[in-house]
Protein backbone atom coordinates (compact mmCIF):
# COMPACT_ATOMS: atom_id res chain seq x y z
CA UNK A 1 0.00 0.00 0.00
CA UNK A 2 2.84 2.36 0.80
CA UNK A 3 4.31 2.11 -2.68
CA UNK A 4 0.91 2.49 -4.32
CA UNK A 5 0.43 5.80 -2.51
CA UNK A 6 3.93 6.92 -3.42
CA UNK A 7 3.30 5.99 -7.06
CA UNK A 8 -0.04 7.79 -7.15
CA UNK A 9 1.46 10.97 -5.67
CA UNK A 10 4.43 10.80 -8.04
CA UNK A 11 2.12 10.32 -11.03
CA UNK A 12 -0.09 13.19 -9.91
CA UNK A 13 2.89 15.52 -10.37
CA UNK A 14 2.32 15.23 -14.12
CA UNK A 15 -1.00 17.07 -13.72
CA UNK A 16 0.22 20.00 -11.62
CA UNK A 17 -0.92 23.36 -12.95
CA UNK A 18 -0.33 25.82 -10.11
CA UNK A 19 2.54 26.41 -7.70
CA UNK A 20 0.28 25.56 -4.73
CA UNK A 21 -0.55 22.15 -6.24
CA UNK A 22 3.16 21.56 -6.72
CA UNK A 23 3.95 22.45 -3.09
CA UNK A 24 1.14 20.27 -1.74
CA UNK A 25 2.15 17.27 -3.84
CA UNK A 26 5.83 17.66 -2.96
CA UNK A 27 4.89 17.77 0.73
CA UNK A 28 2.73 14.65 0.38
CA UNK A 29 5.53 12.91 -1.53
CA UNK A 30 7.90 13.75 1.32
CA UNK A 31 5.44 12.26 3.80
CA UNK A 32 5.17 9.11 1.67
CA UNK A 33 8.97 8.79 1.46
CA UNK A 34 9.63 9.60 5.12
CA UNK A 35 9.61 5.95 6.18
CA UNK A 36 11.96 4.69 3.49
CA UNK A 37 15.29 5.70 5.05
CA UNK A 38 14.61 4.41 8.59
CA UNK A 39 13.09 1.28 7.10
CA UNK A 40 16.19 0.60 5.01
CA UNK A 41 18.47 1.14 8.01
CA UNK A 42 16.36 -1.31 10.02
CA UNK A 43 16.38 -3.81 7.14
CA UNK A 44 20.17 -3.54 6.77
CA UNK A 45 20.67 -4.02 10.51
CA UNK A 46 18.58 -7.19 10.44
CA UNK A 47 19.98 -8.61 7.19
CA UNK A 48 23.73 -8.13 7.65
CA UNK A 49 25.82 -9.56 10.49
CA UNK A 50 27.21 -7.08 12.99
CA UNK A 51 30.71 -7.25 11.49
CA UNK A 52 29.43 -6.01 8.09
CA UNK A 53 26.67 -3.68 9.25
CA UNK A 54 28.65 -0.44 9.31
CA UNK A 55 30.12 -1.06 5.86
CA UNK A 56 26.80 -1.71 4.15
CA UNK A 57 25.05 1.10 6.00
CA UNK A 58 27.78 3.49 4.81
CA UNK A 59 27.42 2.20 1.25
CA UNK A 60 23.67 2.77 1.42
CA UNK A 61 24.08 6.25 2.86
CA UNK A 62 26.54 7.31 0.17
CA UNK A 63 24.60 5.55 -2.61
CA UNK A 64 27.73 3.81 -3.85
CA UNK A 65 27.44 0.35 -5.34
CA UNK A 66 29.48 -2.22 -3.47
CA UNK A 67 32.08 -4.08 -5.52
CA UNK A 68 31.14 -7.62 -6.56
C-alpha atoms as a PDB file:
ATOM      1  CA  UNK A   1       0.000   0.000   0.000  1.00  0.00           C
ATOM      2  CA  UNK A   2       2.838   2.360   0.800  1.00  0.00           C
ATOM      3  CA  UNK A   3       4.307   2.109  -2.681  1.00  0.00           C
ATOM      4  CA  UNK A   4       0.911   2.493  -4.320  1.00  0.00           C
ATOM      5  CA  UNK A   5       0.426   5.799  -2.510  1.00  0.00           C
ATOM      6  CA  UNK A   6       3.927   6.921  -3.421  1.00  0.00           C
ATOM      7  CA  UNK A   7       3.297   5.991  -7.058  1.00  0.00           C
ATOM      8  CA  UNK A   8      -0.037   7.791  -7.152  1.00  0.00           C
ATOM      9  CA  UNK A   9       1.455  10.965  -5.674  1.00  0.00           C
ATOM     10  CA  UNK A  10       4.426  10.799  -8.042  1.00  0.00           C
ATOM     11  CA  UNK A  11       2.123  10.323 -11.027  1.00  0.00           C
ATOM     12  CA  UNK A  12      -0.088  13.190  -9.907  1.00  0.00           C
ATOM     13  CA  UNK A  13       2.894  15.523 -10.367  1.00  0.00           C
ATOM     14  CA  UNK A  14       2.324  15.235 -14.121  1.00  0.00           C
ATOM     15  CA  UNK A  15      -0.997  17.069 -13.725  1.00  0.00           C
ATOM     16  CA  UNK A  16       0.218  20.002 -11.619  1.00  0.00           C
ATOM     17  CA  UNK A  17      -0.915  23.358 -12.954  1.00  0.00           C
ATOM     18  CA  UNK A  18      -0.332  25.821 -10.109  1.00  0.00           C
ATOM     19  CA  UNK A  19       2.540  26.415  -7.700  1.00  0.00           C
ATOM     20  CA  UNK A  20       0.279  25.559  -4.725  1.00  0.00           C
ATOM     21  CA  UNK A  21      -0.552  22.154  -6.242  1.00  0.00           C
ATOM     22  CA  UNK A  22       3.155  21.557  -6.715  1.00  0.00           C
ATOM     23  CA  UNK A  23       3.947  22.450  -3.094  1.00  0.00           C
ATOM     24  CA  UNK A  24       1.143  20.273  -1.739  1.00  0.00           C
ATOM     25  CA  UNK A  25       2.145  17.274  -3.845  1.00  0.00           C
ATOM     26  CA  UNK A  26       5.829  17.659  -2.958  1.00  0.00           C
ATOM     27  CA  UNK A  27       4.885  17.768   0.727  1.00  0.00           C
ATOM     28  CA  UNK A  28       2.735  14.645   0.376  1.00  0.00           C
ATOM     29  CA  UNK A  29       5.525  12.913  -1.529  1.00  0.00           C
ATOM     30  CA  UNK A  30       7.904  13.746   1.316  1.00  0.00           C
ATOM     31  CA  UNK A  31       5.443  12.261   3.802  1.00  0.00           C
ATOM     32  CA  UNK A  32       5.174   9.112   1.671  1.00  0.00           C
ATOM     33  CA  UNK A  33       8.973   8.793   1.462  1.00  0.00           C
ATOM     34  CA  UNK A  34       9.632   9.596   5.116  1.00  0.00           C
ATOM     35  CA  UNK A  35       9.611   5.950   6.177  1.00  0.00           C
ATOM     36  CA  UNK A  36      11.960   4.694   3.486  1.00  0.00           C
ATOM     37  CA  UNK A  37      15.288   5.701   5.047  1.00  0.00           C
ATOM     38  CA  UNK A  38      14.611   4.414   8.589  1.00  0.00           C
ATOM     39  CA  UNK A  39      13.085   1.278   7.100  1.00  0.00           C
ATOM     40  CA  UNK A  40      16.189   0.596   5.010  1.00  0.00           C
ATOM     41  CA  UNK A  41      18.466   1.143   8.009  1.00  0.00           C
ATOM     42  CA  UNK A  42      16.360  -1.307  10.019  1.00  0.00           C
ATOM     43  CA  UNK A  43      16.384  -3.805   7.141  1.00  0.00           C
ATOM     44  CA  UNK A  44      20.174  -3.542   6.770  1.00  0.00           C
ATOM     45  CA  UNK A  45      20.666  -4.015  10.508  1.00  0.00           C
ATOM     46  CA  UNK A  46      18.578  -7.185  10.437  1.00  0.00           C
ATOM     47  CA  UNK A  47      19.978  -8.606   7.192  1.00  0.00           C
ATOM     48  CA  UNK A  48      23.727  -8.135   7.646  1.00  0.00           C
ATOM     49  CA  UNK A  49      25.818  -9.559  10.493  1.00  0.00           C
ATOM     50  CA  UNK A  50      27.210  -7.079  12.990  1.00  0.00           C
ATOM     51  CA  UNK A  51      30.709  -7.251  11.489  1.00  0.00           C
ATOM     52  CA  UNK A  52      29.431  -6.005   8.089  1.00  0.00           C
ATOM     53  CA  UNK A  53      26.673  -3.682   9.254  1.00  0.00           C
ATOM     54  CA  UNK A  54      28.655  -0.438   9.310  1.00  0.00           C
ATOM     55  CA  UNK A  55      30.122  -1.065   5.861  1.00  0.00           C
ATOM     56  CA  UNK A  56      26.802  -1.711   4.154  1.00  0.00           C
ATOM     57  CA  UNK A  57      25.054   1.096   5.999  1.00  0.00           C
ATOM     58  CA  UNK A  58      27.776   3.487   4.809  1.00  0.00           C
ATOM     59  CA  UNK A  59      27.418   2.198   1.245  1.00  0.00           C
ATOM     60  CA  UNK A  60      23.667   2.768   1.418  1.00  0.00           C
ATOM     61  CA  UNK A  61      24.082   6.250   2.861  1.00  0.00           C
ATOM     62  CA  UNK A  62      26.535   7.312   0.170  1.00  0.00           C
ATOM     63  CA  UNK A  63      24.603   5.550  -2.608  1.00  0.00           C
ATOM     64  CA  UNK A  64      27.733   3.815  -3.853  1.00  0.00           C
ATOM     65  CA  UNK A  65      27.439   0.346  -5.339  1.00  0.00           C
ATOM     66  CA  UNK A  66      29.480  -2.218  -3.466  1.00  0.00           C
ATOM     67  CA  UNK A  67      32.081  -4.081  -5.518  1.00  0.00           C
ATOM     68  CA  UNK A  68      31.137  -7.617  -6.560  1.00  0.00           C
END
